[in-house]
Amino acid sequence: MVSAEHTRRAVLLTAAASAAAVALPAAARARTHTIVMEKMRFGPSPAGLRVGDTIVWVNRDLFRHTATARNQFDVDLAPGASGRTVLRAAGTIPYICRFHPGMTGVLTVAR
Protein backbone atom coordinates (compact mmCIF):
# COMPACT_ATOMS: atom_id res chain seq x y z
CA MET A 1 0.00 0.00 0.00
CA VAL A 2 1.29 3.47 -0.88
CA SER A 3 1.47 5.90 2.01
CA ALA A 4 0.13 9.43 1.84
CA GLU A 5 3.68 10.70 2.42
CA HIS A 6 4.98 8.69 -0.56
CA THR A 7 2.19 10.07 -2.78
CA ARG A 8 2.89 13.64 -1.62
CA ARG A 9 6.61 13.26 -2.40
CA ALA A 10 5.86 11.85 -5.85
CA VAL A 11 3.57 14.80 -6.63
CA LEU A 12 6.16 17.31 -5.39
CA LEU A 13 8.94 15.68 -7.44
CA THR A 14 6.79 15.68 -10.58
CA ALA A 15 5.90 19.35 -10.07
CA ALA A 16 9.55 20.28 -9.48
CA ALA A 17 10.67 18.43 -12.62
CA SER A 18 7.99 20.15 -14.70
CA ALA A 19 8.96 23.58 -13.36
CA ALA A 20 12.63 22.89 -14.08
CA ALA A 21 11.88 21.88 -17.66
CA VAL A 22 9.97 25.12 -18.26
CA ALA A 23 12.75 27.15 -16.64
CA LEU A 24 15.49 25.71 -18.85
CA PRO A 25 16.84 28.20 -21.37
CA ALA A 26 16.17 27.48 -25.02
CA ALA A 27 19.82 26.52 -25.54
CA ALA A 28 19.45 23.70 -23.02
CA ARG A 29 16.55 22.26 -25.02
CA ALA A 30 18.26 22.76 -28.38
CA ARG A 31 18.88 19.71 -30.52
CA THR A 32 21.44 18.90 -33.18
CA HIS A 33 20.35 17.73 -36.64
CA THR A 34 22.42 16.56 -39.60
CA ILE A 35 21.98 17.28 -43.29
CA VAL A 36 24.25 15.35 -45.66
CA MET A 37 25.33 16.66 -49.06
CA GLU A 38 25.79 13.68 -51.35
CA LYS A 39 25.37 12.92 -55.05
CA MET A 40 24.98 16.66 -55.76
CA ARG A 41 21.93 16.90 -53.45
CA PHE A 42 21.08 18.01 -49.96
CA GLY A 43 19.63 15.24 -47.81
CA PRO A 44 16.15 15.70 -46.39
CA SER A 45 15.55 18.65 -44.12
CA PRO A 46 14.85 17.50 -40.56
CA ALA A 47 11.37 17.85 -39.11
CA GLY A 48 10.74 19.60 -35.81
CA LEU A 49 13.40 22.30 -36.14
CA ARG A 50 13.32 25.05 -33.51
CA VAL A 51 15.15 28.32 -32.95
CA GLY A 52 18.39 27.47 -31.14
CA ASP A 53 18.82 24.07 -32.81
CA THR A 54 22.09 23.32 -34.60
CA ILE A 55 22.39 21.96 -38.12
CA VAL A 56 25.52 19.93 -38.85
CA TRP A 57 26.22 20.01 -42.59
CA VAL A 58 28.26 17.06 -43.89
CA ASN A 59 29.76 17.12 -47.40
CA ARG A 60 30.19 13.53 -48.62
CA ASP A 61 30.60 14.60 -52.24
CA LEU A 62 33.77 14.94 -54.28
CA PHE A 63 32.97 18.62 -54.86
CA ARG A 64 33.02 21.74 -52.69
CA HIS A 65 29.53 22.80 -51.54
CA THR A 66 27.90 25.51 -49.50
CA ALA A 67 24.72 25.69 -47.49
CA THR A 68 23.68 29.28 -48.01
CA ALA A 69 20.53 31.04 -46.83
CA ARG A 70 20.28 34.78 -47.42
CA ASN A 71 20.86 36.74 -44.19
CA GLN A 72 20.85 33.48 -42.17
CA PHE A 73 23.94 31.35 -42.76
CA ASP A 74 26.67 30.49 -45.24
CA VAL A 75 28.58 27.28 -44.56
CA ASP A 76 31.35 26.56 -47.09
CA LEU A 77 32.61 22.95 -47.11
CA ALA A 78 35.43 21.21 -48.88
CA PRO A 79 34.88 17.56 -49.88
CA GLY A 80 34.68 15.38 -46.77
CA ALA A 81 34.30 18.36 -44.42
CA SER A 82 31.51 19.27 -42.02
CA GLY A 83 30.34 22.54 -40.50
CA ARG A 84 27.67 23.85 -38.16
CA THR A 85 25.12 26.60 -38.02
CA VAL A 86 22.72 27.55 -35.25
CA LEU A 87 19.17 28.45 -36.28
CA ARG A 88 18.48 32.00 -35.06
CA ALA A 89 15.12 32.81 -36.64
CA ALA A 90 11.76 31.11 -37.02
CA GLY A 91 10.13 30.72 -40.40
CA THR A 92 10.64 29.07 -43.74
CA ILE A 93 14.29 29.33 -44.74
CA PRO A 94 15.22 28.37 -48.32
CA TYR A 95 18.89 27.50 -48.88
CA ILE A 96 21.12 26.66 -51.84
CA CYS A 97 24.64 25.65 -52.76
CA ARG A 98 26.29 28.76 -54.25
CA PHE A 99 28.44 26.58 -56.51
CA HIS A 100 25.60 24.34 -57.71
CA PRO A 101 22.34 26.35 -57.88
CA GLY A 102 20.33 23.20 -58.63
CA MET A 103 21.05 22.05 -55.08
CA THR A 104 18.27 23.54 -52.95
CA GLY A 105 16.44 22.88 -49.75
CA VAL A 106 14.07 24.47 -47.25
CA LEU A 107 14.19 24.51 -43.47
CA THR A 108 10.98 25.06 -41.50
CA VAL A 109 11.88 26.48 -38.11
CA ALA A 110 9.46 27.01 -35.20
CA ARG A 111 9.99 29.20 -32.14
C-alpha atoms as a PDB file:
ATOM      1  CA  MET A   1       0.000   0.000   0.000  1.00  0.00           C
ATOM      2  CA  VAL A   2       1.293   3.470  -0.880  1.00  0.00           C
ATOM      3  CA  SER A   3       1.470   5.901   2.012  1.00  0.00           C
ATOM      4  CA  ALA A   4       0.128   9.432   1.842  1.00  0.00           C
ATOM      5  CA  GLU A   5       3.684  10.696   2.420  1.00  0.00           C
ATOM      6  CA  HIS A   6       4.981   8.687  -0.562  1.00  0.00           C
ATOM      7  CA  THR A   7       2.194  10.066  -2.784  1.00  0.00           C
ATOM      8  CA  ARG A   8       2.892  13.642  -1.617  1.00  0.00           C
ATOM      9  CA  ARG A   9       6.610  13.260  -2.398  1.00  0.00           C
ATOM     10  CA  ALA A  10       5.863  11.855  -5.854  1.00  0.00           C
ATOM     11  CA  VAL A  11       3.569  14.798  -6.631  1.00  0.00           C
ATOM     12  CA  LEU A  12       6.165  17.309  -5.391  1.00  0.00           C
ATOM     13  CA  LEU A  13       8.936  15.677  -7.438  1.00  0.00           C
ATOM     14  CA  THR A  14       6.791  15.681 -10.579  1.00  0.00           C
ATOM     15  CA  ALA A  15       5.899  19.351 -10.068  1.00  0.00           C
ATOM     16  CA  ALA A  16       9.546  20.280  -9.478  1.00  0.00           C
ATOM     17  CA  ALA A  17      10.668  18.427 -12.620  1.00  0.00           C
ATOM     18  CA  SER A  18       7.993  20.153 -14.696  1.00  0.00           C
ATOM     19  CA  ALA A  19       8.962  23.582 -13.363  1.00  0.00           C
ATOM     20  CA  ALA A  20      12.635  22.888 -14.077  1.00  0.00           C
ATOM     21  CA  ALA A  21      11.883  21.878 -17.663  1.00  0.00           C
ATOM     22  CA  VAL A  22       9.966  25.115 -18.257  1.00  0.00           C
ATOM     23  CA  ALA A  23      12.745  27.146 -16.636  1.00  0.00           C
ATOM     24  CA  LEU A  24      15.492  25.706 -18.845  1.00  0.00           C
ATOM     25  CA  PRO A  25      16.838  28.197 -21.367  1.00  0.00           C
ATOM     26  CA  ALA A  26      16.170  27.478 -25.019  1.00  0.00           C
ATOM     27  CA  ALA A  27      19.818  26.523 -25.537  1.00  0.00           C
ATOM     28  CA  ALA A  28      19.452  23.700 -23.019  1.00  0.00           C
ATOM     29  CA  ARG A  29      16.554  22.260 -25.018  1.00  0.00           C
ATOM     30  CA  ALA A  30      18.257  22.761 -28.377  1.00  0.00           C
ATOM     31  CA  ARG A  31      18.879  19.706 -30.523  1.00  0.00           C
ATOM     32  CA  THR A  32      21.444  18.905 -33.179  1.00  0.00           C
ATOM     33  CA  HIS A  33      20.353  17.729 -36.643  1.00  0.00           C
ATOM     34  CA  THR A  34      22.425  16.559 -39.598  1.00  0.00           C
ATOM     35  CA  ILE A  35      21.978  17.281 -43.295  1.00  0.00           C
ATOM     36  CA  VAL A  36      24.251  15.348 -45.659  1.00  0.00           C
ATOM     37  CA  MET A  37      25.333  16.661 -49.056  1.00  0.00           C
ATOM     38  CA  GLU A  38      25.785  13.683 -51.350  1.00  0.00           C
ATOM     39  CA  LYS A  39      25.374  12.924 -55.053  1.00  0.00           C
ATOM     40  CA  MET A  40      24.979  16.655 -55.759  1.00  0.00           C
ATOM     41  CA  ARG A  41      21.935  16.902 -53.449  1.00  0.00           C
ATOM     42  CA  PHE A  42      21.085  18.010 -49.957  1.00  0.00           C
ATOM     43  CA  GLY A  43      19.632  15.242 -47.812  1.00  0.00           C
ATOM     44  CA  PRO A  44      16.150  15.704 -46.391  1.00  0.00           C
ATOM     45  CA  SER A  45      15.554  18.654 -44.121  1.00  0.00           C
ATOM     46  CA  PRO A  46      14.851  17.498 -40.556  1.00  0.00           C
ATOM     47  CA  ALA A  47      11.371  17.848 -39.107  1.00  0.00           C
ATOM     48  CA  GLY A  48      10.739  19.603 -35.815  1.00  0.00           C
ATOM     49  CA  LEU A  49      13.402  22.301 -36.144  1.00  0.00           C
ATOM     50  CA  ARG A  50      13.315  25.048 -33.512  1.00  0.00           C
ATOM     51  CA  VAL A  51      15.153  28.321 -32.952  1.00  0.00           C
ATOM     52  CA  GLY A  52      18.389  27.467 -31.141  1.00  0.00           C
ATOM     53  CA  ASP A  53      18.825  24.072 -32.810  1.00  0.00           C
ATOM     54  CA  THR A  54      22.090  23.324 -34.599  1.00  0.00           C
ATOM     55  CA  ILE A  55      22.395  21.957 -38.115  1.00  0.00           C
ATOM     56  CA  VAL A  56      25.523  19.931 -38.849  1.00  0.00           C
ATOM     57  CA  TRP A  57      26.217  20.013 -42.586  1.00  0.00           C
ATOM     58  CA  VAL A  58      28.255  17.061 -43.891  1.00  0.00           C
ATOM     59  CA  ASN A  59      29.759  17.115 -47.398  1.00  0.00           C
ATOM     60  CA  ARG A  60      30.187  13.527 -48.618  1.00  0.00           C
ATOM     61  CA  ASP A  61      30.597  14.605 -52.237  1.00  0.00           C
ATOM     62  CA  LEU A  62      33.770  14.943 -54.283  1.00  0.00           C
ATOM     63  CA  PHE A  63      32.974  18.625 -54.860  1.00  0.00           C
ATOM     64  CA  ARG A  64      33.017  21.735 -52.688  1.00  0.00           C
ATOM     65  CA  HIS A  65      29.525  22.798 -51.541  1.00  0.00           C
ATOM     66  CA  THR A  66      27.896  25.514 -49.503  1.00  0.00           C
ATOM     67  CA  ALA A  67      24.717  25.685 -47.490  1.00  0.00           C
ATOM     68  CA  THR A  68      23.681  29.276 -48.006  1.00  0.00           C
ATOM     69  CA  ALA A  69      20.531  31.041 -46.831  1.00  0.00           C
ATOM     70  CA  ARG A  70      20.279  34.784 -47.421  1.00  0.00           C
ATOM     71  CA  ASN A  71      20.863  36.736 -44.192  1.00  0.00           C
ATOM     72  CA  GLN A  72      20.851  33.483 -42.175  1.00  0.00           C
ATOM     73  CA  PHE A  73      23.936  31.353 -42.762  1.00  0.00           C
ATOM     74  CA  ASP A  74      26.671  30.493 -45.241  1.00  0.00           C
ATOM     75  CA  VAL A  75      28.581  27.280 -44.563  1.00  0.00           C
ATOM     76  CA  ASP A  76      31.353  26.556 -47.091  1.00  0.00           C
ATOM     77  CA  LEU A  77      32.606  22.947 -47.108  1.00  0.00           C
ATOM     78  CA  ALA A  78      35.433  21.209 -48.882  1.00  0.00           C
ATOM     79  CA  PRO A  79      34.877  17.559 -49.885  1.00  0.00           C
ATOM     80  CA  GLY A  80      34.680  15.382 -46.773  1.00  0.00           C
ATOM     81  CA  ALA A  81      34.297  18.358 -44.419  1.00  0.00           C
ATOM     82  CA  SER A  82      31.505  19.269 -42.024  1.00  0.00           C
ATOM     83  CA  GLY A  83      30.337  22.536 -40.501  1.00  0.00           C
ATOM     84  CA  ARG A  84      27.670  23.850 -38.162  1.00  0.00           C
ATOM     85  CA  THR A  85      25.117  26.602 -38.024  1.00  0.00           C
ATOM     86  CA  VAL A  86      22.723  27.555 -35.246  1.00  0.00           C
ATOM     87  CA  LEU A  87      19.171  28.451 -36.279  1.00  0.00           C
ATOM     88  CA  ARG A  88      18.483  31.995 -35.064  1.00  0.00           C
ATOM     89  CA  ALA A  89      15.118  32.809 -36.635  1.00  0.00           C
ATOM     90  CA  ALA A  90      11.758  31.107 -37.022  1.00  0.00           C
ATOM     91  CA  GLY A  91      10.130  30.723 -40.399  1.00  0.00           C
ATOM     92  CA  THR A  92      10.636  29.066 -43.742  1.00  0.00           C
ATOM     93  CA  ILE A  93      14.287  29.331 -44.744  1.00  0.00           C
ATOM     94  CA  PRO A  94      15.222  28.368 -48.317  1.00  0.00           C
ATOM     95  CA  TYR A  95      18.887  27.497 -48.883  1.00  0.00           C
ATOM     96  CA  ILE A  96      21.123  26.655 -51.843  1.00  0.00           C
ATOM     97  CA  CYS A  97      24.645  25.652 -52.759  1.00  0.00           C
ATOM     98  CA  ARG A  98      26.286  28.764 -54.245  1.00  0.00           C
ATOM     99  CA  PHE A  99      28.444  26.581 -56.506  1.00  0.00           C
ATOM    100  CA  HIS A 100      25.603  24.337 -57.710  1.00  0.00           C
ATOM    101  CA  PRO A 101      22.339  26.350 -57.884  1.00  0.00           C
ATOM    102  CA  GLY A 102      20.328  23.203 -58.629  1.00  0.00           C
ATOM    103  CA  MET A 103      21.048  22.047 -55.083  1.00  0.00           C
ATOM    104  CA  THR A 104      18.270  23.540 -52.948  1.00  0.00           C
ATOM    105  CA  GLY A 105      16.444  22.881 -49.747  1.00  0.00           C
ATOM    106  CA  VAL A 106      14.071  24.469 -47.252  1.00  0.00           C
ATOM    107  CA  LEU A 107      14.190  24.513 -43.469  1.00  0.00           C
ATOM    108  CA  THR A 108      10.977  25.060 -41.504  1.00  0.00           C
ATOM    109  CA  VAL A 109      11.885  26.477 -38.105  1.00  0.00           C
ATOM    110  CA  ALA A 110       9.463  27.007 -35.204  1.00  0.00           C
ATOM    111  CA  ARG A 111       9.989  29.203 -32.141  1.00  0.00           C
END
